[in-house]
Amino acid sequence: MRNPHPAEAAGTVGDDVLTVHALEAELDRHGGLVLRPKCGAGGPGELVTEWLRAVNCPDCLALDHT
């Protein structure tokens, strides 16, 4: 099966469209792929929107450099 998402993805969570998180693919309880912020921002049901923007979340950036 081909992964529909690139290895590196960025996006926003919920109503906060200014903070752009690094996203990673996870399996949901039904076995489907979902994108979630690396830093853990947002709740389980909160909408994640993928963007072609640079990551600016300090927590995600710190995780990428450790």
C-alpha atoms as a PDB file:
ATOM      1  CA  MET A   1       0.000   0.000   0.000  1.00  0.00           C
ATOM      2  CA  ARG A   2       1.340   3.436  -0.919  1.00  0.00           C
ATOM      3  CA  ASN A   3       1.503   6.074   1.814  1.00  0.00           C
ATOM      4  CA  PRO A   4      -0.703   9.008   0.679  1.00  0.00           C
ATOM      5  CA  HIS A   5       1.231  11.471   2.855  1.00  0.00           C
ATOM      6  CA  PRO A   6       4.836  12.584   2.494  1.00  0.00           C
ATOM      7  CA  ALA A   7       7.370  11.583   5.153  1.00  0.00           C
ATOM      8  CA  GLU A   8       7.538  15.209   6.272  1.00  0.00           C
ATOM      9  CA  ALA A   9       4.222  16.973   6.759  1.00  0.00           C
ATOM     10  CA  ALA A  10       3.158  20.170   8.511  1.00  0.00           C
ATOM     11  CA  GLY A  11      -0.193  21.403   9.667  1.00  0.00           C
ATOM     12  CA  THR A  12      -2.398  23.123  12.191  1.00  0.00           C
ATOM     13  CA  VAL A  13      -4.652  21.785  14.943  1.00  0.00           C
ATOM     14  CA  GLY A  14      -8.165  23.002  15.662  1.00  0.00           C
ATOM     15  CA  ASP A  15      -8.811  26.741  15.501  1.00  0.00           C
ATOM     16  CA  ASP A  16      -5.136  27.733  15.922  1.00  0.00           C
ATOM     17  CA  VAL A  17      -4.088  28.409  12.326  1.00  0.00           C
ATOM     18  CA  LEU A  18      -0.931  30.317  13.295  1.00  0.00           C
ATOM     19  CA  THR A  19       0.988  27.514  15.021  1.00  0.00           C
ATOM     20  CA  VAL A  20       2.242  25.035  12.411  1.00  0.00           C
ATOM     21  CA  HIS A  21       3.210  21.625  13.802  1.00  0.00           C
ATOM     22  CA  ALA A  22       5.367  18.837  12.426  1.00  0.00           C
ATOM     23  CA  LEU A  23       2.947  15.994  11.713  1.00  0.00           C
ATOM     24  CA  GLU A  24       3.450  12.257  11.825  1.00  0.00           C
ATOM     25  CA  ALA A  25       1.162   9.497  10.620  1.00  0.00           C
ATOM     26  CA  GLU A  26      -0.456   7.226  13.207  1.00  0.00           C
ATOM     27  CA  LEU A  27      -2.932   4.382  12.941  1.00  0.00           C
ATOM     28  CA  ASP A  28      -6.379   5.095  14.316  1.00  0.00           C
ATOM     29  CA  ARG A  29      -8.492   2.486  16.094  1.00  0.00           C
ATOM     30  CA  HIS A  30      -9.904   1.329  12.737  1.00  0.00           C
ATOM     31  CA  GLY A  31      -6.468   0.836  11.175  1.00  0.00           C
ATOM     32  CA  GLY A  32      -6.579   4.000   9.050  1.00  0.00           C
ATOM     33  CA  LEU A  33      -3.816   6.586   8.899  1.00  0.00           C
ATOM     34  CA  VAL A  34      -4.295   9.913  10.671  1.00  0.00           C
ATOM     35  CA  LEU A  35      -1.895  12.826  11.004  1.00  0.00           C
ATOM     36  CA  ARG A  36      -1.089  14.030  14.531  1.00  0.00           C
ATOM     37  CA  PRO A  37       1.356  16.679  15.798  1.00  0.00           C
ATOM     38  CA  LYS A  38       4.696  15.310  16.996  1.00  0.00           C
ATOM     39  CA  CYS A  39       4.498  17.475  20.130  1.00  0.00           C
ATOM     40  CA  GLY A  40       1.113  16.006  21.141  1.00  0.00           C
ATOM     41  CA  ALA A  41      -0.878  19.241  20.696  1.00  0.00           C
ATOM     42  CA  GLY A  42      -4.635  18.961  20.363  1.00  0.00           C
ATOM     43  CA  GLY A  43      -7.134  16.462  21.623  1.00  0.00           C
ATOM     44  CA  PRO A  44      -8.115  13.086  20.159  1.00  0.00           C
ATOM     45  CA  GLY A  45     -11.040  14.493  18.159  1.00  0.00           C
ATOM     46  CA  GLU A  46      -9.491  17.808  17.159  1.00  0.00           C
ATOM     47  CA  LEU A  47      -9.208  18.500  13.443  1.00  0.00           C
ATOM     48  CA  VAL A  48      -5.681  18.446  11.976  1.00  0.00           C
ATOM     49  CA  THR A  49      -5.261  20.316   8.688  1.00  0.00           C
ATOM     50  CA  GLU A  50      -2.204  19.657   6.531  1.00  0.00           C
ATOM     51  CA  TRP A  51      -0.527  22.744   5.046  1.00  0.00           C
ATOM     52  CA  LEU A  52       2.432  23.481   2.785  1.00  0.00           C
ATOM     53  CA  ARG A  53       3.928  25.806   5.385  1.00  0.00           C
ATOM     54  CA  ALA A  54       7.071  25.869   7.495  1.00  0.00           C
ATOM     55  CA  VAL A  55       6.833  24.369  10.979  1.00  0.00           C
ATOM     56  CA  ASN A  56       6.954  27.074  13.673  1.00  0.00           C
ATOM     57  CA  CYS A  57       5.845  25.165  16.791  1.00  0.00           C
ATOM     58  CA  PRO A  58       8.740  25.438  19.286  1.00  0.00           C
ATOM     59  CA  ASP A  59       7.958  22.016  20.807  1.00  0.00           C
ATOM     60  CA  CYS A  60       7.894  20.239  17.413  1.00  0.00           C
ATOM     61  CA  LEU A  61      11.100  21.981  16.356  1.00  0.00           C
ATOM     62  CA  ALA A  62      12.810  20.910  19.592  1.00  0.00           C
ATOM     63  CA  LEU A  63      11.765  17.276  18.993  1.00  0.00           C
ATOM     64  CA  ASP A  64      13.253  17.370  15.481  1.00  0.00           C
ATOM     65  CA  HIS A  65      16.647  18.467  16.805  1.00  0.00           C
ATOM     66  CA  THR A  66      17.114  15.974  19.637  1.00  0.00           C
END
